[in-house]
Amino acid sequence: MFEILYDPKLIITLKLKAGDGLLFNNQRVLHGRTGFDAEEPARSVLTSSVDLDDFHSTMRILRRMLDAEDSSIAFNQGMAV
């Protein structure tokens, strides 16, 4: 497991700047962060979580409101192929 977790081919490193955001499926991604240099003024990390069923329902409602061709779209649970 350790070899898989630290395999460089499987690691993505992103350098976020103030004001950047990151959205990911927490059920499918193992994430962490490396060290960083403190900034002035201090930055805040804001987190939020969304239930996938609620998210998919809201997407369908928005598609219907926007008259999308297929508002009954099926959302896959997992990685897209």
Protein backbone atom coordinates (compact mmCIF):
# COMPACT_ATOMS: atom_id res chain seq x y z
CA MET A 1 0.00 0.00 0.00
CA PHE A 2 2.84 2.38 0.87
CA GLU A 3 4.40 1.90 -2.58
CA ILE A 4 1.10 2.74 -4.27
CA LEU A 5 0.46 5.81 -2.08
CA TYR A 6 3.85 7.31 -2.86
CA ASP A 7 4.22 6.25 -6.49
CA PRO A 8 5.25 9.46 -8.32
CA LYS A 9 3.18 8.44 -11.36
CA LEU A 10 0.03 8.60 -9.20
CA ILE A 11 0.70 11.89 -7.41
CA ILE A 12 -0.66 15.20 -8.65
CA THR A 13 0.70 18.35 -7.02
CA LEU A 14 -1.15 21.64 -7.39
CA LYS A 15 0.13 24.98 -6.16
CA LEU A 16 -2.94 26.99 -5.21
CA LYS A 17 -2.82 30.75 -4.92
CA ALA A 18 -4.99 32.96 -2.73
CA GLY A 19 -8.51 32.89 -4.16
CA ASP A 20 -8.09 29.52 -5.90
CA GLY A 21 -10.51 26.72 -5.19
CA LEU A 22 -10.39 22.97 -5.53
CA LEU A 23 -13.31 20.59 -5.90
CA PHE A 24 -12.98 16.82 -5.80
CA ASN A 25 -14.91 13.69 -4.96
CA ASN A 26 -13.65 12.85 -1.49
CA GLN A 27 -14.84 9.25 -1.88
CA ARG A 28 -12.51 8.71 -4.83
CA VAL A 29 -9.39 10.73 -4.03
CA LEU A 30 -6.82 10.31 -1.30
CA HIS A 31 -5.59 13.82 -0.60
CA GLY A 32 -3.22 15.65 1.63
CA ARG A 33 -1.01 18.68 1.57
CA THR A 34 2.65 19.45 1.80
CA GLY A 35 4.28 22.17 3.84
CA PHE A 36 3.79 25.80 2.89
CA ASP A 37 5.21 29.20 3.69
CA ALA A 38 3.01 31.29 5.98
CA GLU A 39 1.62 34.43 4.38
CA GLU A 40 0.58 37.79 5.72
CA PRO A 41 -2.29 38.24 6.18
CA ALA A 42 -2.85 34.64 7.19
CA ARG A 43 -4.88 32.53 4.75
CA SER A 44 -7.96 30.60 5.75
CA VAL A 45 -8.88 27.19 4.43
CA LEU A 46 -12.61 26.87 3.93
CA THR A 47 -14.10 23.43 3.51
CA SER A 48 -17.53 22.19 2.67
CA SER A 49 -19.11 18.87 1.84
CA VAL A 50 -22.02 17.93 -0.38
CA ASP A 51 -24.05 14.74 -0.36
CA LEU A 52 -23.74 13.19 -3.84
CA ASP A 53 -27.45 12.40 -4.10
CA ASP A 54 -28.29 16.04 -3.28
CA PHE A 55 -25.69 17.26 -5.78
CA HIS A 56 -27.03 15.06 -8.58
CA SER A 57 -30.63 16.06 -7.78
CA THR A 58 -29.71 19.75 -7.92
CA MET A 59 -27.92 19.24 -11.25
CA ARG A 60 -31.04 17.61 -12.71
CA ILE A 61 -33.25 20.44 -11.44
CA LEU A 62 -30.92 23.07 -12.91
CA ARG A 63 -30.81 21.24 -16.25
CA ARG A 64 -34.61 21.13 -16.27
CA MET A 65 -34.84 24.86 -15.43
CA LEU A 66 -32.39 25.65 -18.22
CA ASP A 67 -34.34 23.47 -20.67
CA ALA A 68 -31.45 21.11 -21.22
CA GLU A 69 -32.19 18.41 -23.79
CA ASP A 70 -32.00 15.55 -21.33
CA SER A 71 -32.77 16.63 -17.76
CA SER A 72 -32.99 12.98 -16.69
CA ILE A 73 -29.27 12.44 -17.22
CA ALA A 74 -27.70 9.58 -15.26
CA PHE A 75 -24.66 10.48 -13.20
CA ASN A 76 -22.03 7.76 -12.83
CA GLN A 77 -20.79 6.78 -9.41
CA GLY A 78 -17.06 6.55 -9.94
CA MET A 79 -14.54 7.37 -12.58
CA ALA A 80 -15.70 8.25 -16.07
CA VAL A 81 -14.29 6.14 -18.87
